[in-house]
């Protein structure tokens, strides 16, 4: 994997705050169980919630769930099934805002939890930028390891689509 360039995507940032082994697997394009019910529900919500907004916007190596303009400001939205993973979702969205800033585009973020009818604003602060920079370095370190980190039983393992890669 030495010669392959890995870009830190929103998905890698998301997994970094959940499981480092998932970061390694996803960075190597090892796809989780496609028919996993939690993933299917997430895809369904992403496609059907907020029908008036522009969906699946790609900027370079990043994919935003939706984008809209509100009061003259660009707002990037990230749709999630549940606020259970709020920290990882916040960092994923912060990565998008960080990368847009690097391109000279000022934007705000909004985490959207349609099943909970909940919205959380995300603003890129200098503290959040430092966390993103540190996490990006750590994600790349993990991604370039020769073998995956050892599995560690955690609170998210029970519903994980990668379960077979750890516990089979």
Protein backbone atom coordinates (compact mmCIF):
# COMPACT_ATOMS: atom_id res chain seq x y z
CA UNK A 1 0.00 0.00 0.00
CA UNK A 2 3.09 2.25 0.04
CA UNK A 3 2.51 3.65 -3.44
CA UNK A 4 -1.23 4.20 -3.19
CA UNK A 5 -2.25 7.68 -2.11
CA UNK A 6 -5.00 7.70 0.48
CA UNK A 7 -7.23 10.73 0.89
CA UNK A 8 -8.87 11.27 4.23
CA UNK A 9 -12.57 11.11 3.43
CA UNK A 10 -15.56 11.86 5.61
CA UNK A 11 -16.15 8.14 6.00
CA UNK A 12 -12.61 7.58 7.28
CA UNK A 13 -13.03 10.46 9.73
CA UNK A 14 -16.34 8.96 10.89
CA UNK A 15 -14.78 5.53 11.45
CA UNK A 16 -11.74 7.01 13.21
CA UNK A 17 -13.94 8.06 16.11
CA UNK A 18 -15.64 4.66 16.23
CA UNK A 19 -13.04 2.00 15.41
CA UNK A 20 -9.45 2.23 14.11
CA UNK A 21 -9.69 -1.24 12.57
CA UNK A 22 -12.58 0.02 10.42
CA UNK A 23 -10.36 2.91 9.27
CA UNK A 24 -7.75 0.43 8.02
CA UNK A 25 -10.35 -1.76 6.30
CA UNK A 26 -12.16 1.14 4.63
CA UNK A 27 -8.90 2.81 3.54
CA UNK A 28 -8.10 -0.40 1.66
CA UNK A 29 -11.55 -0.47 0.04
CA UNK A 30 -12.65 -3.52 1.99
CA UNK A 31 -16.39 -2.96 1.93
CA UNK A 32 -18.61 -3.96 4.85
CA UNK A 33 -21.59 -6.26 4.49
CA UNK A 34 -23.66 -4.41 1.84
CA UNK A 35 -27.01 -5.77 2.99
CA UNK A 36 -26.45 -4.83 6.62
CA UNK A 37 -29.78 -3.43 7.85
CA UNK A 38 -28.24 -0.38 9.58
CA UNK A 39 -26.39 0.62 6.41
CA UNK A 40 -29.51 0.14 4.29
CA UNK A 41 -31.56 2.31 6.65
CA UNK A 42 -28.89 5.01 6.59
CA UNK A 43 -28.86 5.03 2.78
CA UNK A 44 -32.66 5.20 2.68
CA UNK A 45 -32.78 8.17 5.07
CA UNK A 46 -30.06 9.96 3.15
CA UNK A 47 -31.99 9.56 -0.11
CA UNK A 48 -35.50 10.37 1.13
CA UNK A 49 -35.07 12.96 3.89
CA UNK A 50 -34.94 16.65 3.00
CA UNK A 51 -36.24 16.30 -0.58
CA UNK A 52 -35.82 20.01 -1.46
CA UNK A 53 -32.07 20.04 -0.93
CA UNK A 54 -29.36 19.13 -3.42
CA UNK A 55 -28.08 15.65 -2.56
CA UNK A 56 -24.83 13.72 -2.90
CA UNK A 57 -22.60 16.64 -3.80
CA UNK A 58 -19.02 15.64 -4.59
CA UNK A 59 -16.10 18.00 -4.07
CA UNK A 60 -12.79 16.30 -4.85
CA UNK A 61 -12.57 13.19 -2.67
CA UNK A 62 -15.44 14.28 -0.41
CA UNK A 63 -19.17 13.53 -0.70
CA UNK A 64 -21.68 15.65 1.16
CA UNK A 65 -25.13 14.27 1.91
CA UNK A 66 -26.74 17.57 0.99
CA UNK A 67 -26.00 21.21 0.38
CA UNK A 68 -28.23 24.28 0.54
CA UNK A 69 -28.02 28.03 0.71
CA UNK A 70 -29.50 29.67 3.79
CA UNK A 71 -29.45 33.44 4.29
CA UNK A 72 -26.75 33.73 1.62
CA UNK A 73 -24.54 31.18 3.39
CA UNK A 74 -23.58 27.74 2.09
CA UNK A 75 -24.75 25.03 4.49
CA UNK A 76 -23.41 21.49 4.19
CA UNK A 77 -25.69 18.90 5.73
CA UNK A 78 -24.85 15.46 7.00
CA UNK A 79 -27.85 13.13 7.47
CA UNK A 80 -27.56 10.49 10.18
CA UNK A 81 -29.96 7.88 11.47
CA UNK A 82 -29.26 8.59 15.11
CA UNK A 83 -27.44 11.07 17.31
CA UNK A 84 -25.76 8.11 19.05
CA UNK A 85 -22.69 8.78 16.92
CA UNK A 86 -22.83 12.56 17.29
CA UNK A 87 -19.13 13.01 17.95
CA UNK A 88 -18.01 11.06 14.88
CA UNK A 89 -20.67 12.80 12.77
CA UNK A 90 -19.50 16.20 14.02
CA UNK A 91 -15.91 15.41 13.11
CA UNK A 92 -16.95 14.12 9.69
CA UNK A 93 -18.82 17.35 9.00
CA UNK A 94 -15.96 19.42 10.44
CA UNK A 95 -13.62 17.71 7.95
CA UNK A 96 -15.89 18.84 5.11
CA UNK A 97 -15.90 22.42 6.40
CA UNK A 98 -12.11 22.30 6.84
CA UNK A 99 -11.52 21.02 3.30
CA UNK A 100 -13.91 23.61 1.85
CA UNK A 101 -12.06 26.34 3.74
CA UNK A 102 -8.81 25.07 2.23
CA UNK A 103 -10.45 25.62 -1.18
CA UNK A 104 -11.45 29.16 -0.21
CA UNK A 105 -15.12 28.32 0.38
CA UNK A 106 -16.69 29.44 3.64
CA UNK A 107 -19.53 27.19 4.77
CA UNK A 108 -21.47 26.19 7.83
CA UNK A 109 -22.46 22.70 8.78
CA UNK A 110 -25.61 21.07 10.02
CA UNK A 111 -26.04 17.57 11.39
CA UNK A 112 -29.50 16.29 10.58
CA UNK A 113 -31.24 13.49 12.43
CA UNK A 114 -34.62 13.14 10.66
CA UNK A 115 -35.96 10.32 12.83
CA UNK A 116 -35.28 12.43 15.94
CA UNK A 117 -36.35 15.69 14.25
CA UNK A 118 -33.08 17.14 15.48
CA UNK A 119 -30.58 19.58 13.90
CA UNK A 120 -27.20 20.55 15.28
CA UNK A 121 -25.15 23.41 13.84
CA UNK A 122 -21.45 22.80 13.34
CA UNK A 123 -19.09 25.76 13.01
CA UNK A 124 -15.42 25.32 12.15
CA UNK A 125 -13.42 26.87 14.99
CA UNK A 126 -9.64 27.01 15.30
CA UNK A 127 -9.85 24.34 18.02
CA UNK A 128 -11.86 22.08 15.72
CA UNK A 129 -9.37 22.70 12.90
CA UNK A 130 -6.53 21.50 15.14
CA UNK A 131 -8.48 18.36 16.01
CA UNK A 132 -9.12 17.70 12.31
CA UNK A 133 -5.43 18.12 11.43
CA UNK A 134 -4.39 15.75 14.22
CA UNK A 135 -7.05 13.17 13.29
CA UNK A 136 -6.07 13.30 9.60
CA UNK A 137 -2.45 12.47 10.48
CA UNK A 138 -3.54 9.62 12.72
CA UNK A 139 -5.94 8.25 10.09
CA UNK A 140 -3.15 8.18 7.51
CA UNK A 141 -0.82 6.48 10.01
CA UNK A 142 -3.43 3.75 10.59
CA UNK A 143 -4.26 3.41 6.89
CA UNK A 144 -0.61 2.78 5.95
CA UNK A 145 -0.04 0.08 8.58
CA UNK A 146 0.91 -3.26 7.01
CA UNK A 147 -1.83 -5.09 8.89
CA UNK A 148 -4.99 -3.90 10.61
CA UNK A 149 -5.07 -2.92 14.26
CA UNK A 150 -6.24 -5.75 16.49
CA UNK A 151 -10.01 -5.83 17.04
CA UNK A 152 -11.16 -4.35 20.31
CA UNK A 153 -14.60 -5.13 21.66
CA UNK A 154 -16.42 -1.82 22.05
CA UNK A 155 -19.89 -0.43 22.47
CA UNK A 156 -20.45 -0.17 18.71
CA UNK A 157 -19.39 -3.73 17.81
CA UNK A 158 -22.84 -5.28 18.25
CA UNK A 159 -24.33 -3.49 15.22
CA UNK A 160 -21.17 -3.28 13.11
CA UNK A 161 -21.30 -4.20 9.42
CA UNK A 162 -17.60 -5.17 9.66
CA UNK A 163 -18.24 -7.72 12.43
CA UNK A 164 -17.17 -10.68 10.28
CA UNK A 165 -13.73 -9.10 9.80
CA UNK A 166 -13.17 -9.07 13.53
CA UNK A 167 -15.08 -11.86 15.19
CA UNK A 168 -15.74 -14.56 12.57
